[in-house]
Amino acid sequence: MSSTGSSRQPLPEDPDWIARWQRVARRIRVPLGFLTAALYLIELWRRAPLPAAVAWSVALVVPGLWLRGYAAGYVKKNRELTVTGPYAHTRNPLYLGSMLMAAGFAVALLSWPVALVLAVGFFAIYVPVIASEERFLRSTFPEFDAYCRRVPRLLPRLFVRPEPGTSGTGGAFNFSLYLRHREYNAAIGVALLYASLLFLRPVIGAIVRGLR
């Protein structure tokens, strides 16, 4: 591991692996999406979601949705290194929020197949994306290495102490940034998924019974 990298959560140093993995990730992204959607529908049709499981899923989905929205109101992509707000706790709050939301819907279905496909998908797609983004940030912002030494890549640190002499801004939450990044689409997606959990199976069942 180079002295310029993060010692907490190492990624391979050879830049070529990033390009190769990204090419693979681009090829499998759409098939994985279809596979996940198919498994979701199969599991939903196989058995009705338990109300308790759906309720417990909210404990993961809502914090994940909030974290994504909160982070979207801070980040100014490619313009400055954001180190405030959620970025003071984790370097990738958007991806962490997505993982929480995905885990929540796996809990809602109580489905190991869905959970496994989601885990494989996140690993296969997000690892090269994070590595590529870190390489760009390291080459663009001289203060990025110091930021990496303070802040974990994914799992957040709970307590933040002001660091003297650190640069990088990010300011306060900006609702216009939230809108510019169209993060409201995540909220729409969550609403549609919960609607499918609650109503899709009964609606399809009623249609099937009506056709008999």
N, C-alpha and C. Protein backbone atom coordinates (compact mmCIF):
# COMPACT_ATOMS: atom_id res chain seq x y z
N MET A 1 0.85 -1.20 0.00
CA MET A 1 0.00 0.00 0.00
C MET A 1 0.88 1.24 0.00
N SER A 2 0.61 2.16 -0.91
CA SER A 2 1.37 3.40 -0.98
C SER A 2 1.06 4.28 0.20
N SER A 3 2.02 5.11 0.56
CA SER A 3 1.82 6.01 1.70
C SER A 3 0.80 7.08 1.41
N THR A 4 0.44 7.24 0.13
CA THR A 4 -0.56 8.26 -0.21
C THR A 4 -1.97 7.74 -0.16
N GLY A 5 -2.16 6.45 0.06
CA GLY A 5 -3.49 5.86 0.09
C GLY A 5 -4.04 5.81 1.49
N SER A 6 -5.28 5.34 1.61
CA SER A 6 -5.91 5.16 2.91
C SER A 6 -5.49 3.83 3.50
N SER A 7 -5.03 3.84 4.75
CA SER A 7 -4.58 2.61 5.40
C SER A 7 -5.72 1.87 6.06
N ARG A 8 -6.92 2.48 6.10
CA ARG A 8 -8.02 1.85 6.83
C ARG A 8 -8.72 0.78 6.00
N GLN A 9 -9.00 1.12 4.75
CA GLN A 9 -9.77 0.21 3.91
C GLN A 9 -9.09 0.14 2.55
N PRO A 10 -8.02 -0.66 2.39
CA PRO A 10 -7.22 -0.63 1.19
C PRO A 10 -7.95 -1.17 -0.02
N LEU A 11 -7.63 -0.59 -1.17
CA LEU A 11 -8.05 -1.11 -2.46
C LEU A 11 -6.78 -1.44 -3.24
N PRO A 12 -6.84 -2.34 -4.21
CA PRO A 12 -5.66 -2.64 -5.00
C PRO A 12 -5.06 -1.39 -5.63
N GLU A 13 -3.71 -1.34 -5.73
CA GLU A 13 -3.04 -0.14 -6.18
C GLU A 13 -2.91 -0.06 -7.70
N ASP A 14 -2.85 -1.20 -8.39
CA ASP A 14 -2.65 -1.21 -9.83
C ASP A 14 -3.83 -0.54 -10.53
N PRO A 15 -3.61 0.60 -11.21
CA PRO A 15 -4.74 1.31 -11.83
C PRO A 15 -5.41 0.51 -12.94
N ASP A 16 -4.67 -0.46 -13.54
CA ASP A 16 -5.26 -1.21 -14.64
C ASP A 16 -6.45 -2.05 -14.20
N TRP A 17 -6.41 -2.53 -12.95
CA TRP A 17 -7.52 -3.37 -12.49
C TRP A 17 -8.82 -2.57 -12.47
N ILE A 18 -8.72 -1.27 -12.25
CA ILE A 18 -9.91 -0.42 -12.21
C ILE A 18 -10.57 -0.40 -13.58
N ALA A 19 -9.78 -0.15 -14.62
CA ALA A 19 -10.34 -0.08 -15.97
C ALA A 19 -10.93 -1.43 -16.38
N ARG A 20 -10.22 -2.51 -16.06
CA ARG A 20 -10.74 -3.83 -16.43
C ARG A 20 -12.04 -4.13 -15.71
N TRP A 21 -12.08 -3.84 -14.40
CA TRP A 21 -13.27 -4.13 -13.61
C TRP A 21 -14.43 -3.24 -14.05
N GLN A 22 -14.12 -1.99 -14.41
CA GLN A 22 -15.20 -1.12 -14.87
C GLN A 22 -15.83 -1.64 -16.16
N ARG A 23 -15.00 -2.19 -17.04
CA ARG A 23 -15.55 -2.75 -18.28
C ARG A 23 -16.47 -3.93 -17.97
N VAL A 24 -16.06 -4.77 -17.03
CA VAL A 24 -16.91 -5.89 -16.63
C VAL A 24 -18.19 -5.39 -15.98
N ALA A 25 -18.05 -4.39 -15.10
CA ALA A 25 -19.22 -3.85 -14.39
C ALA A 25 -20.23 -3.27 -15.36
N ARG A 26 -19.75 -2.59 -16.40
CA ARG A 26 -20.68 -2.03 -17.39
C ARG A 26 -21.45 -3.13 -18.12
N ARG A 27 -20.77 -4.27 -18.34
CA ARG A 27 -21.43 -5.37 -19.06
C ARG A 27 -22.48 -6.07 -18.20
N ILE A 28 -22.21 -6.16 -16.90
CA ILE A 28 -23.12 -6.94 -16.06
C ILE A 28 -24.16 -6.09 -15.36
N ARG A 29 -24.04 -4.76 -15.45
CA ARG A 29 -24.96 -3.89 -14.69
C ARG A 29 -26.41 -4.12 -15.09
N VAL A 30 -26.70 -4.10 -16.39
CA VAL A 30 -28.08 -4.26 -16.85
C VAL A 30 -28.60 -5.67 -16.57
N PRO A 31 -27.83 -6.74 -16.92
CA PRO A 31 -28.32 -8.09 -16.57
C PRO A 31 -28.56 -8.27 -15.07
N LEU A 32 -27.70 -7.70 -14.24
CA LEU A 32 -27.91 -7.80 -12.80
C LEU A 32 -29.19 -7.07 -12.38
N GLY A 33 -29.45 -5.94 -13.02
CA GLY A 33 -30.67 -5.22 -12.71
C GLY A 33 -31.91 -6.02 -13.05
N PHE A 34 -31.89 -6.65 -14.23
CA PHE A 34 -33.03 -7.49 -14.63
C PHE A 34 -33.17 -8.70 -13.70
N LEU A 35 -32.03 -9.32 -13.33
CA LEU A 35 -32.07 -10.46 -12.44
C LEU A 35 -32.65 -10.08 -11.08
N THR A 36 -32.23 -8.92 -10.56
CA THR A 36 -32.75 -8.46 -9.27
C THR A 36 -34.24 -8.20 -9.35
N ALA A 37 -34.68 -7.53 -10.43
CA ALA A 37 -36.11 -7.24 -10.59
C ALA A 37 -36.92 -8.53 -10.71
N ALA A 38 -36.38 -9.50 -11.45
CA ALA A 38 -37.09 -10.77 -11.61
C ALA A 38 -37.20 -11.51 -10.28
N LEU A 39 -36.09 -11.55 -9.54
CA LEU A 39 -36.12 -12.21 -8.23
C LEU A 39 -37.08 -11.51 -7.29
N TYR A 40 -37.09 -10.18 -7.35
CA TYR A 40 -38.00 -9.39 -6.51
C TYR A 40 -39.45 -9.79 -6.79
N LEU A 41 -39.81 -9.86 -8.07
CA LEU A 41 -41.19 -10.21 -8.43
C LEU A 41 -41.52 -11.65 -8.06
N ILE A 42 -40.56 -12.55 -8.27
CA ILE A 42 -40.79 -13.95 -7.93
C ILE A 42 -41.01 -14.12 -6.43
N GLU A 43 -40.14 -13.50 -5.64
CA GLU A 43 -40.27 -13.60 -4.19
C GLU A 43 -41.55 -12.94 -3.69
N LEU A 44 -41.91 -11.82 -4.34
CA LEU A 44 -43.14 -11.13 -3.96
C LEU A 44 -44.37 -11.98 -4.28
N TRP A 45 -44.33 -12.68 -5.42
CA TRP A 45 -45.46 -13.52 -5.80
C TRP A 45 -45.49 -14.81 -4.98
N ARG A 46 -44.31 -15.30 -4.61
CA ARG A 46 -44.23 -16.59 -3.90
C ARG A 46 -44.89 -16.51 -2.53
N ARG A 47 -44.72 -15.39 -1.87
CA ARG A 47 -45.37 -15.24 -0.57
C ARG A 47 -45.58 -13.75 -0.28
N ALA A 48 -46.67 -13.47 0.39
CA ALA A 48 -46.97 -12.08 0.73
C ALA A 48 -45.98 -11.57 1.78
N PRO A 49 -45.51 -10.33 1.63
CA PRO A 49 -44.60 -9.77 2.63
C PRO A 49 -45.27 -9.71 4.01
N LEU A 50 -44.51 -10.02 5.02
CA LEU A 50 -45.04 -9.92 6.38
C LEU A 50 -45.09 -8.46 6.81
N PRO A 51 -46.18 -8.02 7.40
CA PRO A 51 -46.26 -6.62 7.84
C PRO A 51 -45.11 -6.23 8.77
N ALA A 52 -44.72 -7.15 9.66
CA ALA A 52 -43.62 -6.84 10.58
C ALA A 52 -42.31 -6.63 9.82
N ALA A 53 -42.06 -7.45 8.78
CA ALA A 53 -40.83 -7.31 8.00
C ALA A 53 -40.82 -5.99 7.23
N VAL A 54 -41.98 -5.63 6.66
CA VAL A 54 -42.07 -4.35 5.96
C VAL A 54 -41.83 -3.19 6.93
N ALA A 55 -42.39 -3.30 8.13
CA ALA A 55 -42.19 -2.24 9.13
C ALA A 55 -40.72 -2.14 9.53
N TRP A 56 -40.06 -3.29 9.75
CA TRP A 56 -38.64 -3.26 10.11
C TRP A 56 -37.79 -2.71 8.98
N SER A 57 -38.20 -2.92 7.74
CA SER A 57 -37.41 -2.42 6.61
C SER A 57 -37.30 -0.90 6.62
N VAL A 58 -38.33 -0.25 7.16
CA VAL A 58 -38.32 1.21 7.21
C VAL A 58 -37.13 1.73 8.01
N ALA A 59 -36.69 0.95 9.00
CA ALA A 59 -35.56 1.37 9.83
C ALA A 59 -34.26 1.43 9.04
N LEU A 60 -34.21 0.77 7.89
CA LEU A 60 -33.04 0.86 7.02
C LEU A 60 -33.28 1.78 5.83
N VAL A 61 -34.47 1.69 5.25
CA VAL A 61 -34.75 2.44 4.03
C VAL A 61 -34.81 3.94 4.30
N VAL A 62 -35.50 4.35 5.34
CA VAL A 62 -35.64 5.79 5.60
C VAL A 62 -34.30 6.44 5.94
N PRO A 63 -33.47 5.87 6.83
CA PRO A 63 -32.15 6.47 7.04
C PRO A 63 -31.31 6.50 5.76
N GLY A 64 -31.39 5.44 4.95
CA GLY A 64 -30.65 5.43 3.69
C GLY A 64 -31.12 6.52 2.75
N LEU A 65 -32.43 6.70 2.65
CA LEU A 65 -32.99 7.75 1.80
C LEU A 65 -32.60 9.12 2.32
N TRP A 66 -32.67 9.30 3.64
CA TRP A 66 -32.28 10.58 4.23
C TRP A 66 -30.81 10.86 3.98
N LEU A 67 -29.95 9.86 4.14
CA LEU A 67 -28.51 10.06 3.95
C LEU A 67 -28.20 10.46 2.52
N ARG A 68 -28.84 9.81 1.56
CA ARG A 68 -28.62 10.18 0.16
C ARG A 68 -29.06 11.62 -0.10
N GLY A 69 -30.24 11.98 0.39
CA GLY A 69 -30.72 13.34 0.19
C GLY A 69 -29.85 14.36 0.88
N TYR A 70 -29.40 14.05 2.10
CA TYR A 70 -28.54 14.95 2.86
C TYR A 70 -27.22 15.15 2.14
N ALA A 71 -26.63 14.07 1.64
CA ALA A 71 -25.36 14.17 0.94
C ALA A 71 -25.50 14.94 -0.38
N ALA A 72 -26.62 14.73 -1.07
CA ALA A 72 -26.82 15.42 -2.35
C ALA A 72 -26.88 16.93 -2.18
N GLY A 73 -27.28 17.40 -1.01
CA GLY A 73 -27.34 18.83 -0.75
C GLY A 73 -26.00 19.44 -0.39
N TYR A 74 -24.95 18.63 -0.34
CA TYR A 74 -23.60 19.13 -0.03
C TYR A 74 -22.64 19.02 -1.21
N VAL A 75 -22.72 17.91 -1.92
CA VAL A 75 -21.66 17.60 -2.89
C VAL A 75 -21.74 18.50 -4.12
N LYS A 76 -20.57 19.00 -4.53
CA LYS A 76 -20.44 19.78 -5.77
C LYS A 76 -19.45 19.02 -6.64
N LYS A 77 -19.99 18.13 -7.45
CA LYS A 77 -19.18 17.17 -8.17
C LYS A 77 -18.16 17.85 -9.07
N ASN A 78 -16.91 17.39 -8.96
CA ASN A 78 -15.80 17.81 -9.81
C ASN A 78 -15.37 19.27 -9.61
N ARG A 79 -16.03 19.97 -8.68
CA ARG A 79 -15.67 21.38 -8.49
C ARG A 79 -14.90 21.63 -7.22
N GLU A 80 -15.23 20.93 -6.16
CA GLU A 80 -14.50 21.08 -4.90
C GLU A 80 -14.63 19.80 -4.09
N LEU A 81 -13.68 19.62 -3.20
CA LEU A 81 -13.67 18.43 -2.35
C LEU A 81 -14.59 18.70 -1.16
N THR A 82 -15.70 18.00 -1.11
CA THR A 82 -16.67 18.20 -0.04
C THR A 82 -16.24 17.39 1.19
N VAL A 83 -16.06 18.09 2.31
CA VAL A 83 -15.60 17.42 3.53
C VAL A 83 -16.50 17.72 4.72
N THR A 84 -17.63 18.39 4.47
CA THR A 84 -18.53 18.76 5.55
C THR A 84 -19.82 17.95 5.44
N GLY A 85 -20.73 18.17 6.40
CA GLY A 85 -21.97 17.42 6.42
C GLY A 85 -21.69 15.93 6.56
N PRO A 86 -22.39 15.07 5.82
CA PRO A 86 -22.15 13.63 5.94
C PRO A 86 -20.76 13.23 5.46
N TYR A 87 -20.14 14.07 4.61
CA TYR A 87 -18.80 13.76 4.11
C TYR A 87 -17.72 13.92 5.18
N ALA A 88 -18.08 14.47 6.32
CA ALA A 88 -17.15 14.50 7.45
C ALA A 88 -17.14 13.18 8.20
N HIS A 89 -18.12 12.32 7.92
CA HIS A 89 -18.24 11.03 8.61
C HIS A 89 -17.85 9.86 7.71
N THR A 90 -18.17 9.93 6.43
CA THR A 90 -17.84 8.87 5.48
C THR A 90 -17.57 9.51 4.14
N ARG A 91 -16.63 8.93 3.38
CA ARG A 91 -16.28 9.51 2.09
C ARG A 91 -17.32 9.19 1.02
N ASN A 92 -18.19 8.23 1.27
CA ASN A 92 -19.17 7.82 0.25
C ASN A 92 -20.57 7.70 0.85
N PRO A 93 -21.14 8.80 1.32
CA PRO A 93 -22.47 8.71 1.94
C PRO A 93 -23.56 8.34 0.95
N LEU A 94 -23.42 8.72 -0.32
CA LEU A 94 -24.44 8.37 -1.31
C LEU A 94 -24.51 6.85 -1.50
N TYR A 95 -23.35 6.22 -1.61
CA TYR A 95 -23.34 4.77 -1.80
C TYR A 95 -23.79 4.05 -0.52
N LEU A 96 -23.38 4.58 0.62
CA LEU A 96 -23.83 3.97 1.89
C LEU A 96 -25.34 4.06 2.01
N GLY A 97 -25.91 5.19 1.63
CA GLY A 97 -27.37 5.32 1.66
C GLY A 97 -28.05 4.32 0.74
N SER A 98 -27.49 4.13 -0.45
CA SER A 98 -28.07 3.16 -1.39
C SER A 98 -28.02 1.75 -0.81
N MET A 99 -26.92 1.41 -0.15
CA MET A 99 -26.79 0.08 0.43
C MET A 99 -27.80 -0.13 1.55
N LEU A 100 -28.03 0.88 2.37
CA LEU A 100 -29.02 0.78 3.43
C LEU A 100 -30.42 0.56 2.84
N MET A 101 -30.74 1.30 1.78
CA MET A 101 -32.05 1.16 1.17
C MET A 101 -32.23 -0.23 0.56
N ALA A 102 -31.20 -0.72 -0.13
CA ALA A 102 -31.29 -2.05 -0.72
C ALA A 102 -31.44 -3.12 0.35
N ALA A 103 -30.68 -2.98 1.43
CA ALA A 103 -30.79 -3.94 2.53
C ALA A 103 -32.18 -3.89 3.14
N GLY A 104 -32.77 -2.71 3.22
CA GLY A 104 -34.11 -2.59 3.78
C GLY A 104 -35.15 -3.34 2.96
N PHE A 105 -35.06 -3.26 1.64
CA PHE A 105 -36.04 -3.97 0.82
C PHE A 105 -35.80 -5.47 0.84
N ALA A 106 -34.55 -5.90 1.01
CA ALA A 106 -34.29 -7.33 1.19
C ALA A 106 -34.93 -7.83 2.48
N VAL A 107 -34.85 -6.99 3.53
CA VAL A 107 -35.49 -7.34 4.81
C VAL A 107 -37.01 -7.40 4.64
N ALA A 108 -37.57 -6.45 3.87
CA ALA A 108 -39.02 -6.42 3.68
C ALA A 108 -39.51 -7.71 3.04
N LEU A 109 -38.70 -8.28 2.14
CA LEU A 109 -39.09 -9.52 1.47
C LEU A 109 -38.68 -10.76 2.25
N LEU A 110 -37.77 -10.59 3.23
CA LEU A 110 -37.19 -11.73 3.95
C LEU A 110 -36.64 -12.75 2.95
N SER A 111 -35.89 -12.23 1.97
CA SER A 111 -35.43 -13.06 0.86
C SER A 111 -33.91 -13.10 0.82
N TRP A 112 -33.34 -14.28 1.08
CA TRP A 112 -31.89 -14.45 0.95
C TRP A 112 -31.44 -14.34 -0.50
N PRO A 113 -32.16 -14.90 -1.49
CA PRO A 113 -31.72 -14.73 -2.89
C PRO A 113 -31.61 -13.27 -3.31
N VAL A 114 -32.60 -12.46 -2.94
CA VAL A 114 -32.56 -11.04 -3.28
C VAL A 114 -31.39 -10.37 -2.57
N ALA A 115 -31.19 -10.69 -1.29
CA ALA A 115 -30.08 -10.10 -0.54
C ALA A 115 -28.74 -10.46 -1.16
N LEU A 116 -28.60 -11.72 -1.59
CA LEU A 116 -27.33 -12.17 -2.18
C LEU A 116 -27.05 -11.46 -3.50
N VAL A 117 -28.07 -11.37 -4.36
CA VAL A 117 -27.87 -10.70 -5.65
C VAL A 117 -27.55 -9.23 -5.44
N LEU A 118 -28.21 -8.58 -4.49
CA LEU A 118 -27.92 -7.18 -4.20
C LEU A 118 -26.49 -7.01 -3.70
N ALA A 119 -26.05 -7.90 -2.82
CA ALA A 119 -24.69 -7.80 -2.27
C ALA A 119 -23.66 -7.98 -3.38
N VAL A 120 -23.86 -8.99 -4.24
CA VAL A 120 -22.93 -9.22 -5.35
C VAL A 120 -22.93 -8.02 -6.30
N GLY A 121 -24.12 -7.50 -6.58
CA GLY A 121 -24.22 -6.36 -7.48
C GLY A 121 -23.51 -5.13 -6.94
N PHE A 122 -23.71 -4.83 -5.67
CA PHE A 122 -23.05 -3.67 -5.10
C PHE A 122 -21.54 -3.84 -5.10
N PHE A 123 -21.07 -5.03 -4.77
CA PHE A 123 -19.63 -5.26 -4.76
C PHE A 123 -19.06 -5.14 -6.17
N ALA A 124 -19.73 -5.76 -7.14
CA ALA A 124 -19.21 -5.78 -8.50
C ALA A 124 -19.22 -4.41 -9.15
N ILE A 125 -20.18 -3.58 -8.80
CA ILE A 125 -20.33 -2.29 -9.47
C ILE A 125 -19.69 -1.15 -8.68
N TYR A 126 -19.91 -1.11 -7.36
CA TYR A 126 -19.45 0.04 -6.59
C TYR A 126 -17.96 0.02 -6.30
N VAL A 127 -17.34 -1.16 -6.17
CA VAL A 127 -15.90 -1.19 -5.89
C VAL A 127 -15.10 -0.49 -6.99
N PRO A 128 -15.30 -0.83 -8.28
CA PRO A 128 -14.54 -0.11 -9.30
C PRO A 128 -14.94 1.36 -9.43
N VAL A 129 -16.22 1.67 -9.17
CA VAL A 129 -16.65 3.07 -9.25
C VAL A 129 -15.95 3.90 -8.17
N ILE A 130 -15.93 3.38 -6.94
CA ILE A 130 -15.28 4.10 -5.85
C ILE A 130 -13.79 4.25 -6.12
N ALA A 131 -13.15 3.18 -6.62
CA ALA A 131 -11.72 3.25 -6.92
C ALA A 131 -11.43 4.29 -8.00
N SER A 132 -12.26 4.33 -9.03
CA SER A 132 -12.07 5.30 -10.10
C SER A 132 -12.28 6.72 -9.60
N GLU A 133 -13.29 6.93 -8.79
CA GLU A 133 -13.55 8.27 -8.26
C GLU A 133 -12.41 8.72 -7.35
N GLU A 134 -11.90 7.79 -6.54
CA GLU A 134 -10.79 8.16 -5.65
C GLU A 134 -9.55 8.53 -6.46
N ARG A 135 -9.30 7.82 -7.54
CA ARG A 135 -8.15 8.16 -8.38
C ARG A 135 -8.31 9.55 -8.97
N PHE A 136 -9.53 9.88 -9.40
CA PHE A 136 -9.77 11.23 -9.94
C PHE A 136 -9.59 12.30 -8.86
N LEU A 137 -10.18 12.06 -7.69
CA LEU A 137 -10.08 13.04 -6.61
C LEU A 137 -8.64 13.23 -6.15
N ARG A 138 -7.88 12.15 -6.10
CA ARG A 138 -6.48 12.24 -5.67
C ARG A 138 -5.66 13.06 -6.66
N SER A 139 -5.98 12.93 -7.95
CA SER A 139 -5.23 13.69 -8.95
C SER A 139 -5.71 15.13 -9.07
N THR A 140 -6.91 15.42 -8.58
CA THR A 140 -7.49 16.75 -8.75
C THR A 140 -7.32 17.63 -7.52
N PHE A 141 -7.44 17.02 -6.32
CA PHE A 141 -7.41 17.79 -5.08
C PHE A 141 -6.23 17.34 -4.23
N PRO A 142 -5.24 18.20 -4.02
CA PRO A 142 -4.06 17.82 -3.23
C PRO A 142 -4.39 17.42 -1.80
N GLU A 143 -5.49 17.92 -1.27
CA GLU A 143 -5.85 17.65 0.12
C GLU A 143 -6.60 16.32 0.29
N PHE A 144 -6.82 15.60 -0.80
CA PHE A 144 -7.62 14.38 -0.71
C PHE A 144 -6.97 13.32 0.16
N ASP A 145 -5.65 13.16 0.09
CA ASP A 145 -4.98 12.14 0.89
C ASP A 145 -5.15 12.40 2.38
N ALA A 146 -5.04 13.68 2.78
CA ALA A 146 -5.25 14.01 4.19
C ALA A 146 -6.69 13.71 4.61
N TYR A 147 -7.61 13.99 3.72
CA TYR A 147 -9.02 13.68 3.98
C TYR A 147 -9.22 12.17 4.15
N CYS A 148 -8.56 11.37 3.31
CA CYS A 148 -8.66 9.91 3.42
C CYS A 148 -8.14 9.41 4.76
N ARG A 149 -7.10 10.04 5.27
CA ARG A 149 -6.53 9.60 6.55
C ARG A 149 -7.48 9.89 7.71
N ARG A 150 -8.34 10.89 7.55
CA ARG A 150 -9.25 11.27 8.63
C ARG A 150 -10.58 10.52 8.56
N VAL A 151 -11.07 10.27 7.35
CA VAL A 151 -12.46 9.84 7.17
C VAL A 151 -12.48 8.46 6.51
N PRO A 152 -13.25 7.51 7.06
CA PRO A 152 -13.32 6.17 6.46
C PRO A 152 -13.97 6.19 5.08
N ARG A 153 -13.65 5.17 4.31
CA ARG A 153 -14.18 5.08 2.95
C ARG A 153 -15.69 4.87 2.95
N LEU A 154 -16.21 4.02 3.83
CA LEU A 154 -17.64 3.69 3.77
C LEU A 154 -18.30 3.72 5.14
N LEU A 155 -17.86 2.86 6.06
CA LEU A 155 -18.48 2.83 7.38
C LEU A 155 -18.16 4.13 8.12
N PRO A 156 -19.16 4.86 8.57
CA PRO A 156 -18.92 6.21 9.08
C PRO A 156 -18.29 6.24 10.46
N ARG A 157 -17.50 7.26 10.67
CA ARG A 157 -17.05 7.55 12.04
C ARG A 157 -18.16 8.36 12.71
N LEU A 158 -18.36 8.12 13.99
CA LEU A 158 -19.48 8.74 14.70
C LEU A 158 -19.15 10.15 15.17
N PHE A 159 -17.91 10.36 15.58
CA PHE A 159 -17.55 11.64 16.17
C PHE A 159 -16.54 12.36 15.28
N VAL A 160 -16.77 13.63 15.10
CA VAL A 160 -15.93 14.44 14.22
C VAL A 160 -15.34 15.59 15.03
N ARG A 161 -14.01 15.68 14.99
CA ARG A 161 -13.33 16.80 15.61
C ARG A 161 -12.82 17.74 14.53
N PRO A 162 -12.99 19.05 14.72
CA PRO A 162 -12.48 19.99 13.71
C PRO A 162 -10.98 19.81 13.51
N GLU A 163 -10.57 19.74 12.26
CA GLU A 163 -9.16 19.56 11.93
C GLU A 163 -8.57 20.90 11.55
N PRO A 164 -7.55 21.38 12.31
CA PRO A 164 -6.95 22.67 11.97
C PRO A 164 -6.22 22.60 10.64
N GLY A 165 -6.37 23.65 9.87
CA GLY A 165 -5.62 23.77 8.63
C GLY A 165 -6.15 22.95 7.47
N THR A 166 -7.35 22.39 7.61
CA THR A 166 -7.89 21.61 6.49
C THR A 166 -8.61 22.53 5.52
N SER A 167 -8.49 22.23 4.25
CA SER A 167 -9.20 22.99 3.23
C SER A 167 -10.31 22.15 2.66
N GLY A 168 -10.94 22.65 1.61
CA GLY A 168 -12.12 21.96 1.10
C GLY A 168 -13.33 22.52 1.78
N THR A 169 -14.36 22.77 1.04
CA THR A 169 -15.51 23.44 1.62
C THR A 169 -16.70 22.52 1.58
N GLY A 170 -17.75 22.98 1.05
CA GLY A 170 -18.96 22.18 1.02
C GLY A 170 -20.06 22.93 1.71
N GLY A 171 -19.70 23.83 2.69
CA GLY A 171 -20.68 24.68 3.33
C GLY A 171 -21.77 23.92 4.02
N ALA A 172 -22.98 24.51 3.96
CA ALA A 172 -24.15 23.91 4.59
C ALA A 172 -25.02 23.25 3.52
N PHE A 173 -26.03 22.54 4.01
CA PHE A 173 -26.95 21.87 3.09
C PHE A 173 -27.60 22.88 2.16
N ASN A 174 -27.62 22.56 0.87
CA ASN A 174 -28.17 23.45 -0.14
C ASN A 174 -29.27 22.69 -0.89
N PHE A 175 -30.52 23.13 -0.71
CA PHE A 175 -31.64 22.43 -1.32
C PHE A 175 -31.59 22.50 -2.85
N SER A 176 -31.00 23.56 -3.39
CA SER A 176 -30.90 23.65 -4.84
C SER A 176 -29.97 22.57 -5.39
N LEU A 177 -28.94 22.21 -4.63
CA LEU A 177 -28.07 21.11 -5.05
C LEU A 177 -28.84 19.79 -5.03
N TYR A 178 -29.66 19.61 -4.01
CA TYR A 178 -30.51 18.41 -3.93
C TYR A 178 -31.36 18.29 -5.18
N LEU A 179 -31.95 19.41 -5.60
CA LEU A 179 -32.80 19.39 -6.79
C LEU A 179 -31.97 19.20 -8.06
N ARG A 180 -30.80 19.83 -8.11
CA ARG A 180 -29.96 19.72 -9.30
C ARG A 180 -29.51 18.27 -9.52
N HIS A 181 -29.22 17.58 -8.42
CA HIS A 181 -28.81 16.17 -8.53
C HIS A 181 -30.00 15.23 -8.69
N ARG A 182 -31.21 15.78 -8.68
CA ARG A 182 -32.45 15.00 -8.88
C ARG A 182 -32.56 13.85 -7.88
N GLU A 183 -32.16 14.12 -6.66
CA GLU A 183 -32.19 13.07 -5.65
C GLU A 183 -33.61 12.72 -5.25
N TYR A 184 -34.56 13.57 -5.59
CA TYR A 184 -35.97 13.26 -5.32
C TYR A 184 -36.41 11.99 -6.06
N ASN A 185 -35.66 11.61 -7.11
CA ASN A 185 -35.98 10.36 -7.80
C ASN A 185 -35.85 9.15 -6.89
N ALA A 186 -34.92 9.23 -5.93
CA ALA A 186 -34.76 8.12 -4.98
C ALA A 186 -36.01 8.00 -4.12
N ALA A 187 -36.57 9.14 -3.69
CA ALA A 187 -37.79 9.11 -2.88
C ALA A 187 -38.97 8.55 -3.69
N ILE A 188 -39.03 8.91 -4.96
CA ILE A 188 -40.09 8.37 -5.82
C ILE A 188 -39.93 6.87 -5.97
N GLY A 189 -38.69 6.42 -6.17
CA GLY A 189 -38.44 4.99 -6.29
C GLY A 189 -38.82 4.22 -5.05
N VAL A 190 -38.50 4.78 -3.88
CA VAL A 190 -38.86 4.14 -2.61
C VAL A 190 -40.38 4.04 -2.48
N ALA A 191 -41.07 5.11 -2.82
CA ALA A 191 -42.54 5.10 -2.73
C ALA A 191 -43.13 4.02 -3.64
N LEU A 192 -42.59 3.91 -4.86
CA LEU A 192 -43.11 2.91 -5.80
C LEU A 192 -42.82 1.48 -5.31
N LEU A 193 -41.64 1.26 -4.73
CA LEU A 193 -41.30 -0.07 -4.23
C LEU A 193 -42.20 -0.46 -3.06
N TYR A 194 -42.45 0.48 -2.15
CA TYR A 194 -43.35 0.17 -1.04
C TYR A 194 -44.77 -0.05 -1.54
N ALA A 195 -45.18 0.70 -2.56
CA ALA A 195 -46.50 0.48 -3.14
C ALA A 195 -46.60 -0.93 -3.73
N SER A 196 -45.50 -1.38 -4.39
CA SER A 196 -45.52 -2.73 -4.95
C SER A 196 -45.56 -3.78 -3.85
N LEU A 197 -44.86 -3.53 -2.75
CA LEU A 197 -44.90 -4.48 -1.63
C LEU A 197 -46.30 -4.64 -1.07
N LEU A 198 -47.01 -3.54 -1.01
CA LEU A 198 -48.31 -3.54 -0.36
C LEU A 198 -49.46 -3.91 -1.30
N PHE A 199 -49.33 -3.54 -2.59
CA PHE A 199 -50.50 -3.63 -3.47
C PHE A 199 -50.31 -4.49 -4.71
N LEU A 200 -49.08 -4.74 -5.15
CA LEU A 200 -48.89 -5.43 -6.42
C LEU A 200 -49.44 -6.85 -6.38
N ARG A 201 -49.12 -7.58 -5.34
CA ARG A 201 -49.58 -8.96 -5.26
C ARG A 201 -51.11 -9.06 -5.22
N PRO A 202 -51.80 -8.28 -4.38
CA PRO A 202 -53.28 -8.34 -4.40
C PRO A 202 -53.88 -7.93 -5.73
N VAL A 203 -53.28 -6.92 -6.40
CA VAL A 203 -53.83 -6.46 -7.67
C VAL A 203 -53.68 -7.55 -8.73
N ILE A 204 -52.48 -8.15 -8.82
CA ILE A 204 -52.27 -9.22 -9.80
C ILE A 204 -53.17 -10.42 -9.50
N GLY A 205 -53.31 -10.74 -8.22
CA GLY A 205 -54.19 -11.85 -7.84
C GLY A 205 -55.62 -11.58 -8.27
N ALA A 206 -56.09 -10.35 -8.09
CA ALA A 206 -57.46 -10.02 -8.49
C ALA A 206 -57.63 -10.11 -10.00
N ILE A 207 -56.59 -9.67 -10.76
CA ILE A 207 -56.66 -9.76 -12.21
C ILE A 207 -56.71 -11.22 -12.66
N VAL A 208 -55.87 -12.06 -12.04
CA VAL A 208 -55.84 -13.49 -12.41
C VAL A 208 -57.18 -14.15 -12.11
N ARG A 209 -57.75 -13.83 -10.95
CA ARG A 209 -59.05 -14.41 -10.59
C ARG A 209 -60.13 -13.94 -11.54
N GLY A 210 -60.03 -12.68 -12.01
CA GLY A 210 -61.03 -12.17 -12.92
C GLY A 210 -60.96 -12.80 -14.29
N LEU A 211 -59.79 -13.31 -14.67
CA LEU A 211 -59.63 -13.94 -15.97
C LEU A 211 -60.08 -15.39 -15.99
N ARG A 212 -60.29 -15.96 -14.83
CA ARG A 212 -60.69 -17.38 -14.77
C ARG A 212 -62.17 -17.53 -15.08
